[in-house]
N, C-alpha and C. Protein backbone atom coordinates (compact mmCIF):
# COMPACT_ATOMS: atom_id res chain seq x y z
N MET A 1 -43.59 0.74 -24.31
CA MET A 1 -42.86 1.49 -23.28
C MET A 1 -41.43 1.78 -23.74
N MET A 2 -40.82 0.80 -24.39
CA MET A 2 -39.45 0.98 -24.86
C MET A 2 -39.39 2.08 -25.91
N MET A 3 -40.37 2.11 -26.77
CA MET A 3 -40.41 3.14 -27.81
C MET A 3 -40.55 4.53 -27.21
N LEU A 4 -41.36 4.65 -26.16
CA LEU A 4 -41.59 5.95 -25.54
C LEU A 4 -40.34 6.49 -24.85
N ALA A 5 -39.48 5.56 -24.39
CA ALA A 5 -38.28 5.97 -23.68
C ALA A 5 -37.15 6.38 -24.61
N MET A 6 -37.29 6.10 -25.91
CA MET A 6 -36.24 6.39 -26.87
C MET A 6 -36.37 7.80 -27.45
N PRO A 7 -35.25 8.41 -27.79
CA PRO A 7 -35.32 9.69 -28.52
C PRO A 7 -36.06 9.49 -29.84
N SER A 8 -36.63 10.56 -30.38
CA SER A 8 -37.44 10.44 -31.60
C SER A 8 -36.63 9.88 -32.77
N SER A 9 -35.35 10.25 -32.87
CA SER A 9 -34.53 9.75 -33.96
C SER A 9 -34.35 8.24 -33.87
N MET A 10 -34.21 7.73 -32.63
CA MET A 10 -34.02 6.30 -32.44
C MET A 10 -35.35 5.57 -32.59
N SER A 11 -36.44 6.20 -32.19
CA SER A 11 -37.76 5.58 -32.31
C SER A 11 -38.09 5.30 -33.76
N ALA A 12 -37.66 6.19 -34.63
CA ALA A 12 -37.92 6.00 -36.06
C ALA A 12 -37.20 4.77 -36.60
N LYS A 13 -35.99 4.54 -36.04
CA LYS A 13 -35.21 3.38 -36.48
C LYS A 13 -35.77 2.07 -35.93
N LEU A 14 -36.59 2.15 -34.90
CA LEU A 14 -37.16 0.96 -34.28
C LEU A 14 -38.58 0.66 -34.77
N GLU A 15 -39.11 1.57 -35.55
CA GLU A 15 -40.50 1.44 -35.97
C GLU A 15 -40.77 0.13 -36.69
N ASP A 16 -39.83 -0.32 -37.52
CA ASP A 16 -40.08 -1.51 -38.32
C ASP A 16 -39.95 -2.81 -37.51
N VAL A 17 -39.40 -2.73 -36.27
CA VAL A 17 -39.25 -3.94 -35.46
C VAL A 17 -39.99 -3.80 -34.13
N ARG A 18 -40.94 -2.92 -34.07
CA ARG A 18 -41.63 -2.63 -32.81
C ARG A 18 -42.38 -3.83 -32.27
N ASP A 19 -42.72 -4.79 -33.11
CA ASP A 19 -43.42 -5.98 -32.65
C ASP A 19 -42.47 -7.11 -32.23
N ASP A 20 -41.16 -6.85 -32.31
CA ASP A 20 -40.17 -7.86 -31.94
C ASP A 20 -39.21 -7.27 -30.90
N PRO A 21 -39.50 -7.47 -29.60
CA PRO A 21 -38.67 -6.87 -28.54
C PRO A 21 -37.19 -7.26 -28.63
N PHE A 22 -36.91 -8.50 -29.03
CA PHE A 22 -35.52 -8.93 -29.12
C PHE A 22 -34.76 -8.13 -30.17
N LYS A 23 -35.36 -7.94 -31.32
CA LYS A 23 -34.71 -7.17 -32.38
C LYS A 23 -34.55 -5.71 -31.97
N MET A 24 -35.56 -5.20 -31.27
CA MET A 24 -35.47 -3.82 -30.79
C MET A 24 -34.28 -3.67 -29.84
N TRP A 25 -34.16 -4.61 -28.90
CA TRP A 25 -33.08 -4.56 -27.93
C TRP A 25 -31.72 -4.70 -28.61
N THR A 26 -31.61 -5.58 -29.59
CA THR A 26 -30.37 -5.77 -30.33
C THR A 26 -29.96 -4.50 -31.05
N ARG A 27 -30.94 -3.83 -31.65
CA ARG A 27 -30.64 -2.60 -32.38
C ARG A 27 -30.24 -1.47 -31.43
N ILE A 28 -30.88 -1.41 -30.27
CA ILE A 28 -30.52 -0.39 -29.27
C ILE A 28 -29.09 -0.61 -28.77
N CYS A 29 -28.76 -1.85 -28.48
CA CYS A 29 -27.41 -2.17 -28.01
C CYS A 29 -26.37 -1.82 -29.06
N ALA A 30 -26.68 -2.10 -30.32
CA ALA A 30 -25.75 -1.79 -31.40
C ALA A 30 -25.51 -0.29 -31.51
N LYS A 31 -26.54 0.48 -31.13
CA LYS A 31 -26.44 1.94 -31.21
C LYS A 31 -25.66 2.53 -30.04
N TYR A 32 -26.02 2.09 -28.82
CA TYR A 32 -25.48 2.76 -27.64
C TYR A 32 -24.33 2.01 -26.96
N ASP A 33 -24.16 0.75 -27.29
CA ASP A 33 -23.08 -0.01 -26.66
C ASP A 33 -21.89 -0.16 -27.59
N ARG A 34 -21.97 0.44 -28.77
CA ARG A 34 -20.88 0.33 -29.73
C ARG A 34 -19.76 1.28 -29.35
N MET A 35 -18.53 0.78 -29.38
CA MET A 35 -17.38 1.60 -29.05
C MET A 35 -16.86 2.25 -30.33
N SER A 36 -16.56 3.52 -30.28
CA SER A 36 -16.15 4.26 -31.47
C SER A 36 -14.65 4.15 -31.70
N ASN A 37 -14.24 4.43 -32.92
CA ASN A 37 -12.83 4.33 -33.29
C ASN A 37 -11.95 5.32 -32.53
N ASN A 38 -12.54 6.43 -32.09
CA ASN A 38 -11.72 7.41 -31.39
C ASN A 38 -11.30 6.94 -30.00
N GLN A 39 -11.88 5.82 -29.53
CA GLN A 39 -11.47 5.25 -28.25
C GLN A 39 -10.30 4.29 -28.40
N LEU A 40 -9.99 3.92 -29.61
CA LEU A 40 -8.93 2.94 -29.85
C LEU A 40 -7.56 3.39 -29.34
N PRO A 41 -7.10 4.61 -29.63
CA PRO A 41 -5.80 5.04 -29.10
C PRO A 41 -5.75 5.01 -27.58
N THR A 42 -6.87 5.41 -26.95
CA THR A 42 -6.91 5.41 -25.48
C THR A 42 -6.79 4.01 -24.92
N LEU A 43 -7.49 3.06 -25.54
CA LEU A 43 -7.45 1.68 -25.08
C LEU A 43 -6.07 1.05 -25.30
N CYS A 44 -5.47 1.34 -26.43
CA CYS A 44 -4.12 0.81 -26.71
C CYS A 44 -3.11 1.36 -25.71
N LYS A 45 -3.25 2.62 -25.38
CA LYS A 45 -2.37 3.24 -24.38
C LYS A 45 -2.63 2.65 -23.00
N LEU A 46 -3.90 2.43 -22.71
CA LEU A 46 -4.27 1.84 -21.42
C LEU A 46 -3.69 0.43 -21.29
N PHE A 47 -3.73 -0.31 -22.37
CA PHE A 47 -3.16 -1.67 -22.36
C PHE A 47 -1.66 -1.62 -22.10
N SER A 48 -0.97 -0.73 -22.77
CA SER A 48 0.50 -0.66 -22.63
C SER A 48 0.92 -0.25 -21.22
N LYS A 49 0.05 0.51 -20.53
CA LYS A 49 0.38 0.99 -19.18
C LYS A 49 -0.16 0.08 -18.08
N CYS A 50 -0.84 -0.98 -18.48
CA CYS A 50 -1.40 -1.91 -17.49
C CYS A 50 -0.29 -2.85 -17.02
N LYS A 51 0.19 -2.65 -15.79
CA LYS A 51 1.34 -3.39 -15.29
C LYS A 51 1.04 -4.02 -13.93
N LEU A 52 1.84 -5.03 -13.61
CA LEU A 52 1.78 -5.63 -12.27
C LEU A 52 2.78 -4.88 -11.41
N LYS A 53 2.31 -3.86 -10.69
CA LYS A 53 3.21 -2.92 -10.03
C LYS A 53 3.65 -3.35 -8.65
N ARG A 54 2.92 -4.25 -8.00
CA ARG A 54 3.30 -4.66 -6.65
C ARG A 54 2.82 -6.08 -6.38
N THR A 55 3.43 -6.69 -5.40
CA THR A 55 3.13 -8.10 -5.10
C THR A 55 1.78 -8.27 -4.42
N LYS A 56 1.19 -7.19 -3.92
CA LYS A 56 -0.13 -7.30 -3.30
C LYS A 56 -1.21 -7.61 -4.33
N THR A 57 -0.97 -7.26 -5.59
CA THR A 57 -1.94 -7.52 -6.65
C THR A 57 -1.82 -8.97 -7.11
N GLU A 58 -2.93 -9.66 -7.09
CA GLU A 58 -2.92 -11.05 -7.54
C GLU A 58 -2.80 -11.08 -9.07
N PRO A 59 -1.85 -11.85 -9.61
CA PRO A 59 -1.65 -11.89 -11.07
C PRO A 59 -2.91 -12.19 -11.85
N ASP A 60 -3.76 -13.09 -11.36
CA ASP A 60 -4.99 -13.44 -12.08
C ASP A 60 -5.88 -12.21 -12.28
N ASP A 61 -5.90 -11.30 -11.31
CA ASP A 61 -6.68 -10.07 -11.46
C ASP A 61 -6.09 -9.19 -12.55
N TRP A 62 -4.77 -9.16 -12.60
CA TRP A 62 -4.07 -8.39 -13.64
C TRP A 62 -4.35 -8.97 -15.03
N PHE A 63 -4.28 -10.29 -15.14
CA PHE A 63 -4.55 -10.94 -16.42
C PHE A 63 -5.97 -10.65 -16.89
N THR A 64 -6.91 -10.65 -15.96
CA THR A 64 -8.31 -10.37 -16.30
C THR A 64 -8.46 -8.96 -16.84
N GLU A 65 -7.78 -8.01 -16.20
CA GLU A 65 -7.84 -6.62 -16.66
C GLU A 65 -7.27 -6.48 -18.06
N LEU A 66 -6.15 -7.15 -18.31
CA LEU A 66 -5.55 -7.11 -19.66
C LEU A 66 -6.50 -7.70 -20.70
N ASN A 67 -7.13 -8.80 -20.36
CA ASN A 67 -8.05 -9.44 -21.29
C ASN A 67 -9.25 -8.55 -21.59
N MET A 68 -9.74 -7.85 -20.59
CA MET A 68 -10.89 -6.97 -20.79
C MET A 68 -10.54 -5.83 -21.73
N ILE A 69 -9.37 -5.24 -21.53
CA ILE A 69 -8.94 -4.14 -22.41
C ILE A 69 -8.75 -4.65 -23.83
N ASN A 70 -8.11 -5.82 -23.94
CA ASN A 70 -7.86 -6.39 -25.26
C ASN A 70 -9.16 -6.74 -25.98
N GLU A 71 -10.16 -7.17 -25.23
CA GLU A 71 -11.47 -7.49 -25.81
C GLU A 71 -12.15 -6.22 -26.34
N LYS A 72 -12.01 -5.12 -25.62
CA LYS A 72 -12.59 -3.86 -26.09
C LYS A 72 -11.90 -3.39 -27.37
N ILE A 73 -10.59 -3.57 -27.41
CA ILE A 73 -9.84 -3.22 -28.62
C ILE A 73 -10.33 -4.06 -29.80
N ASN A 74 -10.56 -5.32 -29.55
CA ASN A 74 -11.01 -6.23 -30.60
C ASN A 74 -12.39 -5.84 -31.14
N ARG A 75 -13.25 -5.34 -30.26
CA ARG A 75 -14.59 -4.94 -30.68
C ARG A 75 -14.53 -3.72 -31.61
N ILE A 76 -13.53 -2.88 -31.43
CA ILE A 76 -13.40 -1.69 -32.28
C ILE A 76 -12.72 -2.04 -33.59
N ASP A 77 -11.58 -2.72 -33.48
CA ASP A 77 -10.83 -3.07 -34.68
C ASP A 77 -9.99 -4.31 -34.39
N PRO A 78 -10.37 -5.46 -34.89
CA PRO A 78 -9.64 -6.72 -34.63
C PRO A 78 -8.17 -6.67 -35.04
N GLU A 79 -7.85 -5.80 -35.99
CA GLU A 79 -6.45 -5.73 -36.43
C GLU A 79 -5.51 -5.24 -35.33
N PHE A 80 -6.05 -4.53 -34.35
CA PHE A 80 -5.24 -3.99 -33.27
C PHE A 80 -5.25 -4.90 -32.03
N THR A 81 -5.95 -6.00 -32.14
CA THR A 81 -6.03 -6.92 -31.00
C THR A 81 -4.67 -7.58 -30.77
N ASN A 82 -4.27 -7.67 -29.51
CA ASN A 82 -3.01 -8.32 -29.17
C ASN A 82 -3.16 -9.84 -29.26
N SER A 83 -2.23 -10.48 -29.93
CA SER A 83 -2.24 -11.93 -30.01
C SER A 83 -1.80 -12.53 -28.68
N GLU A 84 -1.95 -13.84 -28.53
CA GLU A 84 -1.54 -14.49 -27.28
C GLU A 84 -0.03 -14.30 -27.05
N LYS A 85 0.75 -14.35 -28.10
CA LYS A 85 2.20 -14.16 -27.94
C LYS A 85 2.51 -12.72 -27.53
N GLN A 86 1.77 -11.77 -28.09
CA GLN A 86 1.96 -10.38 -27.69
C GLN A 86 1.53 -10.16 -26.24
N MET A 87 0.46 -10.82 -25.85
CA MET A 87 0.01 -10.75 -24.46
C MET A 87 1.07 -11.32 -23.53
N ALA A 88 1.66 -12.46 -23.91
CA ALA A 88 2.68 -13.09 -23.09
C ALA A 88 3.92 -12.19 -22.96
N MET A 89 4.30 -11.55 -24.06
CA MET A 89 5.45 -10.65 -24.02
C MET A 89 5.16 -9.44 -23.13
N HIS A 90 3.96 -8.91 -23.23
CA HIS A 90 3.59 -7.78 -22.38
C HIS A 90 3.67 -8.17 -20.90
N ILE A 91 3.18 -9.34 -20.58
CA ILE A 91 3.20 -9.82 -19.20
C ILE A 91 4.64 -9.96 -18.69
N MET A 92 5.50 -10.53 -19.50
CA MET A 92 6.89 -10.73 -19.09
C MET A 92 7.62 -9.41 -18.88
N ASN A 93 7.26 -8.41 -19.66
CA ASN A 93 7.97 -7.12 -19.60
C ASN A 93 7.38 -6.14 -18.58
N ASN A 94 6.28 -6.51 -17.95
CA ASN A 94 5.61 -5.53 -17.09
C ASN A 94 5.29 -6.07 -15.70
N MET A 95 6.08 -7.01 -15.22
CA MET A 95 5.97 -7.46 -13.84
C MET A 95 6.93 -6.67 -12.97
N CYS A 96 6.60 -6.48 -11.71
CA CYS A 96 7.47 -5.73 -10.81
C CYS A 96 8.74 -6.52 -10.51
N LYS A 97 9.72 -5.85 -9.93
CA LYS A 97 11.06 -6.43 -9.77
C LYS A 97 11.08 -7.67 -8.88
N GLN A 98 10.06 -7.84 -8.05
CA GLN A 98 10.02 -9.01 -7.17
C GLN A 98 9.85 -10.32 -7.95
N TYR A 99 9.51 -10.21 -9.24
CA TYR A 99 9.35 -11.40 -10.08
C TYR A 99 10.58 -11.66 -10.96
N ALA A 100 11.67 -10.95 -10.69
CA ALA A 100 12.86 -11.06 -11.54
C ALA A 100 13.41 -12.49 -11.58
N SER A 101 13.46 -13.14 -10.43
CA SER A 101 13.98 -14.51 -10.39
C SER A 101 13.10 -15.47 -11.18
N LEU A 102 11.77 -15.26 -11.12
CA LEU A 102 10.86 -16.11 -11.87
C LEU A 102 11.05 -15.89 -13.37
N LYS A 103 11.26 -14.65 -13.80
CA LYS A 103 11.46 -14.36 -15.21
C LYS A 103 12.68 -15.10 -15.76
N VAL A 104 13.75 -15.15 -14.95
CA VAL A 104 14.96 -15.86 -15.38
C VAL A 104 14.65 -17.34 -15.63
N ILE A 105 13.86 -17.91 -14.73
CA ILE A 105 13.49 -19.33 -14.86
C ILE A 105 12.62 -19.55 -16.10
N LEU A 106 11.62 -18.69 -16.29
CA LEU A 106 10.70 -18.84 -17.41
C LEU A 106 11.42 -18.69 -18.75
N GLU A 107 12.35 -17.76 -18.82
CA GLU A 107 13.04 -17.49 -20.07
C GLU A 107 14.01 -18.59 -20.47
N GLN A 108 14.26 -19.53 -19.59
CA GLN A 108 15.11 -20.67 -19.95
C GLN A 108 14.41 -21.60 -20.93
N ASP A 109 13.08 -21.51 -20.97
CA ASP A 109 12.32 -22.30 -21.94
C ASP A 109 12.19 -21.48 -23.23
N PRO A 110 12.78 -21.94 -24.33
CA PRO A 110 12.76 -21.15 -25.57
C PRO A 110 11.36 -20.92 -26.12
N LYS A 111 10.38 -21.68 -25.65
CA LYS A 111 9.00 -21.54 -26.14
C LYS A 111 8.07 -20.95 -25.07
N PHE A 112 8.65 -20.18 -24.14
CA PHE A 112 7.83 -19.69 -23.03
C PHE A 112 6.74 -18.72 -23.48
N LEU A 113 6.87 -18.12 -24.68
CA LEU A 113 5.86 -17.19 -25.17
C LEU A 113 4.75 -17.89 -25.96
N ASP A 114 4.92 -19.17 -26.22
CA ASP A 114 3.97 -19.88 -27.08
C ASP A 114 2.72 -20.37 -26.36
N ASP A 115 2.77 -20.43 -25.04
CA ASP A 115 1.62 -20.95 -24.28
C ASP A 115 1.24 -19.93 -23.21
N LEU A 116 0.31 -19.05 -23.55
CA LEU A 116 -0.10 -17.97 -22.64
C LEU A 116 -0.73 -18.52 -21.37
N THR A 117 -1.58 -19.52 -21.50
CA THR A 117 -2.25 -20.10 -20.33
C THR A 117 -1.25 -20.70 -19.34
N LYS A 118 -0.27 -21.40 -19.86
CA LYS A 118 0.75 -22.01 -19.01
C LYS A 118 1.58 -20.92 -18.31
N LEU A 119 1.93 -19.89 -19.07
CA LEU A 119 2.72 -18.79 -18.50
C LEU A 119 1.97 -18.12 -17.36
N GLN A 120 0.70 -17.84 -17.57
CA GLN A 120 -0.11 -17.18 -16.53
C GLN A 120 -0.23 -18.07 -15.29
N ALA A 121 -0.38 -19.37 -15.51
CA ALA A 121 -0.49 -20.30 -14.38
C ALA A 121 0.80 -20.34 -13.58
N GLN A 122 1.93 -20.29 -14.24
CA GLN A 122 3.22 -20.32 -13.54
C GLN A 122 3.41 -19.06 -12.70
N ILE A 123 3.01 -17.94 -13.24
CA ILE A 123 3.13 -16.67 -12.50
C ILE A 123 2.18 -16.66 -11.30
N GLN A 124 0.96 -17.13 -11.50
CA GLN A 124 -0.01 -17.18 -10.41
C GLN A 124 0.46 -18.12 -9.30
N ASN A 125 1.00 -19.28 -9.68
CA ASN A 125 1.51 -20.23 -8.68
C ASN A 125 2.68 -19.64 -7.90
N HIS A 126 3.53 -18.90 -8.59
CA HIS A 126 4.67 -18.25 -7.93
C HIS A 126 4.17 -17.24 -6.90
N TRP A 127 3.15 -16.48 -7.27
CA TRP A 127 2.59 -15.49 -6.34
C TRP A 127 2.00 -16.16 -5.12
N GLU A 128 1.25 -17.24 -5.33
CA GLU A 128 0.61 -17.94 -4.21
C GLU A 128 1.65 -18.53 -3.26
N GLU A 129 2.79 -18.93 -3.79
CA GLU A 129 3.81 -19.57 -2.96
C GLU A 129 4.71 -18.57 -2.24
N TYR A 130 5.00 -17.44 -2.90
CA TYR A 130 6.00 -16.53 -2.35
C TYR A 130 5.48 -15.16 -1.94
N HIS A 131 4.37 -14.71 -2.51
CA HIS A 131 3.94 -13.33 -2.27
C HIS A 131 2.56 -13.18 -1.67
N ASN A 132 1.81 -14.24 -1.54
CA ASN A 132 0.44 -14.14 -1.03
C ASN A 132 0.41 -13.56 0.37
N GLU A 133 1.44 -13.87 1.18
CA GLU A 133 1.47 -13.38 2.56
C GLU A 133 1.81 -11.91 2.65
N ASP A 134 2.21 -11.29 1.53
CA ASP A 134 2.50 -9.86 1.55
C ASP A 134 1.28 -9.04 1.92
N ASN A 135 0.09 -9.62 1.76
CA ASN A 135 -1.14 -8.91 2.12
C ASN A 135 -1.28 -8.73 3.62
N ASP A 136 -0.44 -9.40 4.41
CA ASP A 136 -0.50 -9.28 5.86
C ASP A 136 0.40 -8.16 6.36
N ASP A 137 0.98 -7.36 5.44
CA ASP A 137 1.90 -6.30 5.84
C ASP A 137 1.25 -5.31 6.79
N SER A 138 -0.03 -5.00 6.53
CA SER A 138 -0.71 -4.01 7.36
C SER A 138 -0.81 -4.48 8.80
N SER A 139 -1.13 -5.78 8.99
CA SER A 139 -1.24 -6.31 10.36
C SER A 139 0.13 -6.34 11.02
N GLU A 140 1.18 -6.61 10.21
CA GLU A 140 2.52 -6.61 10.78
C GLU A 140 2.91 -5.21 11.23
N ARG A 141 2.49 -4.19 10.41
CA ARG A 141 2.81 -2.82 10.80
C ARG A 141 2.09 -2.44 12.09
N GLU A 142 0.86 -2.94 12.26
CA GLU A 142 0.14 -2.66 13.49
C GLU A 142 0.87 -3.27 14.68
N ASN A 143 1.40 -4.49 14.50
CA ASN A 143 2.16 -5.13 15.56
C ASN A 143 3.42 -4.35 15.86
N ASP A 144 4.06 -3.81 14.79
CA ASP A 144 5.26 -3.02 14.97
C ASP A 144 4.95 -1.78 15.78
N ASP A 145 3.77 -1.14 15.51
CA ASP A 145 3.39 0.06 16.25
C ASP A 145 3.20 -0.26 17.73
N SER A 146 2.59 -1.40 18.03
CA SER A 146 2.39 -1.77 19.43
C SER A 146 3.73 -2.06 20.10
N ASP A 147 4.66 -2.65 19.33
CA ASP A 147 5.99 -2.89 19.87
C ASP A 147 6.68 -1.58 20.19
N ASP A 148 6.49 -0.57 19.32
CA ASP A 148 7.11 0.74 19.56
C ASP A 148 6.58 1.36 20.84
N SER A 149 5.27 1.22 21.08
CA SER A 149 4.70 1.80 22.30
C SER A 149 5.26 1.09 23.53
N ASP A 150 5.50 -0.23 23.41
CA ASP A 150 6.09 -0.98 24.52
C ASP A 150 7.50 -0.50 24.80
N VAL A 151 8.24 -0.20 23.70
CA VAL A 151 9.61 0.28 23.86
C VAL A 151 9.62 1.63 24.56
N GLU A 152 8.67 2.52 24.13
CA GLU A 152 8.59 3.83 24.77
C GLU A 152 8.27 3.69 26.25
N LYS A 153 7.38 2.77 26.58
CA LYS A 153 7.02 2.54 27.98
C LYS A 153 8.23 2.07 28.76
N ASN A 154 9.01 1.15 28.18
CA ASN A 154 10.21 0.64 28.84
C ASN A 154 11.22 1.75 29.04
N ASP A 155 11.34 2.64 28.01
CA ASP A 155 12.28 3.76 28.13
C ASP A 155 11.90 4.67 29.28
N GLU A 156 10.59 4.92 29.45
CA GLU A 156 10.14 5.76 30.55
C GLU A 156 10.47 5.12 31.90
N ASP A 157 10.26 3.81 31.98
CA ASP A 157 10.55 3.09 33.22
C ASP A 157 12.02 3.17 33.57
N VAL A 158 12.88 3.00 32.54
CA VAL A 158 14.33 3.07 32.76
C VAL A 158 14.72 4.46 33.22
N ALA A 159 14.13 5.49 32.58
CA ALA A 159 14.45 6.87 32.96
C ALA A 159 14.08 7.13 34.41
N MET A 160 12.92 6.61 34.84
CA MET A 160 12.50 6.78 36.22
C MET A 160 13.44 6.08 37.17
N MET A 161 13.92 4.88 36.77
CA MET A 161 14.85 4.14 37.61
C MET A 161 16.17 4.90 37.77
N ILE A 162 16.63 5.47 36.63
CA ILE A 162 17.88 6.24 36.67
C ILE A 162 17.71 7.46 37.55
N SER A 163 16.55 8.12 37.42
CA SER A 163 16.29 9.31 38.21
C SER A 163 16.31 8.99 39.70
N ASP A 164 15.70 7.87 40.08
CA ASP A 164 15.69 7.46 41.49
C ASP A 164 17.10 7.15 41.98
N LYS A 165 17.89 6.50 41.12
CA LYS A 165 19.27 6.16 41.51
C LYS A 165 20.11 7.42 41.70
N GLU A 166 19.91 8.40 40.79
CA GLU A 166 20.65 9.65 40.92
C GLU A 166 20.28 10.38 42.20
N LYS A 167 19.00 10.33 42.54
CA LYS A 167 18.54 10.99 43.76
C LYS A 167 19.20 10.38 44.99
N VAL A 168 19.22 9.05 45.04
CA VAL A 168 19.86 8.35 46.16
C VAL A 168 21.34 8.68 46.21
N LYS A 169 21.96 8.71 45.00
CA LYS A 169 23.40 8.98 44.93
C LYS A 169 23.72 10.34 45.54
N TRP A 170 22.98 11.36 45.15
CA TRP A 170 23.28 12.70 45.65
C TRP A 170 22.91 12.87 47.12
N GLU A 171 21.91 12.11 47.57
CA GLU A 171 21.61 12.14 48.99
C GLU A 171 22.77 11.58 49.79
N ARG A 172 23.38 10.49 49.25
CA ARG A 172 24.55 9.90 49.92
C ARG A 172 25.74 10.86 49.92
N VAL A 173 25.92 11.55 48.79
CA VAL A 173 27.01 12.52 48.72
C VAL A 173 26.82 13.62 49.75
N GLY A 174 25.57 14.08 49.90
CA GLY A 174 25.28 15.12 50.89
C GLY A 174 25.58 14.66 52.29
N LYS A 175 25.25 13.41 52.57
CA LYS A 175 25.50 12.88 53.90
C LYS A 175 27.00 12.79 54.18
N LYS A 176 27.77 12.36 53.13
CA LYS A 176 29.21 12.21 53.33
C LYS A 176 29.89 13.56 53.49
N SER A 177 29.43 14.55 52.70
CA SER A 177 30.10 15.85 52.74
C SER A 177 29.74 16.65 53.97
N GLY A 178 28.55 16.57 54.45
CA GLY A 178 28.22 17.38 55.62
C GLY A 178 27.16 16.77 56.49
N GLY A 179 26.69 15.61 56.09
CA GLY A 179 25.67 14.95 56.90
C GLY A 179 24.31 15.58 56.81
N TYR A 180 24.04 16.23 55.65
CA TYR A 180 22.77 16.94 55.53
C TYR A 180 21.83 16.28 54.51
N GLY A 181 22.08 15.03 54.19
CA GLY A 181 21.31 14.38 53.12
C GLY A 181 19.81 14.41 53.34
N ASP A 182 19.37 14.31 54.62
CA ASP A 182 17.95 14.25 54.90
C ASP A 182 17.38 15.59 55.35
N LYS A 183 18.25 16.59 55.49
CA LYS A 183 17.79 17.88 56.00
C LYS A 183 17.24 18.76 54.88
N ILE A 184 16.38 19.66 55.26
CA ILE A 184 15.79 20.61 54.32
C ILE A 184 16.33 21.99 54.63
N CYS A 185 16.85 22.68 53.61
CA CYS A 185 17.40 24.03 53.79
C CYS A 185 16.27 25.00 54.07
N SER A 186 16.40 25.79 55.12
CA SER A 186 15.37 26.74 55.49
C SER A 186 15.34 27.95 54.55
N TYR A 187 16.41 28.11 53.72
CA TYR A 187 16.50 29.25 52.80
C TYR A 187 15.88 28.94 51.43
N CYS A 188 16.35 27.81 50.80
CA CYS A 188 15.86 27.48 49.45
C CYS A 188 14.85 26.33 49.45
N LYS A 189 14.63 25.70 50.63
CA LYS A 189 13.68 24.62 50.80
C LYS A 189 14.06 23.34 50.06
N LYS A 190 15.35 23.17 49.74
CA LYS A 190 15.83 21.95 49.08
C LYS A 190 16.57 21.09 50.08
N SER A 191 16.59 19.76 49.80
CA SER A 191 17.25 18.84 50.72
C SER A 191 18.72 18.69 50.38
N GLY A 192 19.50 18.15 51.37
CA GLY A 192 20.91 17.84 51.12
C GLY A 192 21.87 18.84 51.73
N HIS A 193 21.35 19.93 52.27
CA HIS A 193 22.25 20.91 52.90
C HIS A 193 21.42 21.78 53.85
N ASP A 194 22.13 22.58 54.67
CA ASP A 194 21.41 23.50 55.55
C ASP A 194 21.55 24.91 55.02
N SER A 195 20.94 25.86 55.67
CA SER A 195 20.92 27.24 55.18
C SER A 195 22.30 27.89 55.19
N GLU A 196 23.19 27.43 56.11
CA GLU A 196 24.52 28.02 56.18
C GLU A 196 25.36 27.67 54.95
N ASN A 197 25.07 26.51 54.31
CA ASN A 197 25.84 26.08 53.14
C ASN A 197 25.01 26.15 51.85
N CYS A 198 23.98 26.96 51.85
CA CYS A 198 23.08 27.05 50.70
C CYS A 198 23.76 27.77 49.54
N PHE A 199 23.76 27.16 48.37
CA PHE A 199 24.40 27.75 47.19
C PHE A 199 23.53 28.80 46.54
N SER A 200 22.27 28.90 47.01
CA SER A 200 21.39 29.93 46.47
C SER A 200 21.72 31.30 47.05
N LYS A 201 22.47 31.32 48.19
CA LYS A 201 22.87 32.58 48.80
C LYS A 201 24.12 33.11 48.11
N SER A 202 24.36 34.39 48.25
CA SER A 202 25.60 34.98 47.74
C SER A 202 26.73 34.60 48.71
N GLY A 203 27.95 34.81 48.31
CA GLY A 203 29.10 34.46 49.15
C GLY A 203 29.07 35.20 50.46
N THR A 204 28.66 36.47 50.47
CA THR A 204 28.63 37.28 51.70
C THR A 204 27.61 36.72 52.68
N GLN A 205 26.44 36.27 52.14
CA GLN A 205 25.40 35.75 52.99
C GLN A 205 25.84 34.46 53.65
N ARG A 206 26.60 33.59 52.90
CA ARG A 206 27.03 32.34 53.46
C ARG A 206 28.08 32.56 54.55
N ILE A 207 28.96 33.55 54.33
CA ILE A 207 30.01 33.81 55.33
C ILE A 207 29.39 34.44 56.57
N GLY A 208 28.52 35.41 56.36
CA GLY A 208 27.89 36.12 57.48
C GLY A 208 26.87 35.24 58.14
């Protein structure tokens, strides 16, 4: 079945091992799973751009990604593989600014680049202690949104209270000026005055 699924060119290369499935599988993997040299520049560039850009990213995940890229580079050409010291230097130079204080502490040890495992553990521990809660930002923003709606509701209530107070105030003024606070004008249908003192009329209409 395996032979039938292969292109004719590949089937010819498997003919001599057709009775040994393991050898057939090994040869197929060597053919189709092999990374070509033209991928090397892309992988090297990908490694250089692989950074810890924000505190939401767990450092261990970042380290794993770096190791995977470095392993692919090694499969193509071991001479381009980053050493542990090169890996440590890349890590120190590509953390986001929130790790600046930790970098100062780490750099006080003159041999901080010599132990990659220790360096990674220190960075991971720092993240767990100081930045792990940053993942709750979304829930905090949701709480902030609900707080904003409460503020808007309070603002509406205050506006209504002010409006009611202004209404009472002007009703009192109408009563003091002419005693018409509760009366309705027969001309404009508004309260606080009578038709003889209606401001909607022209001067001649009010006098006449």
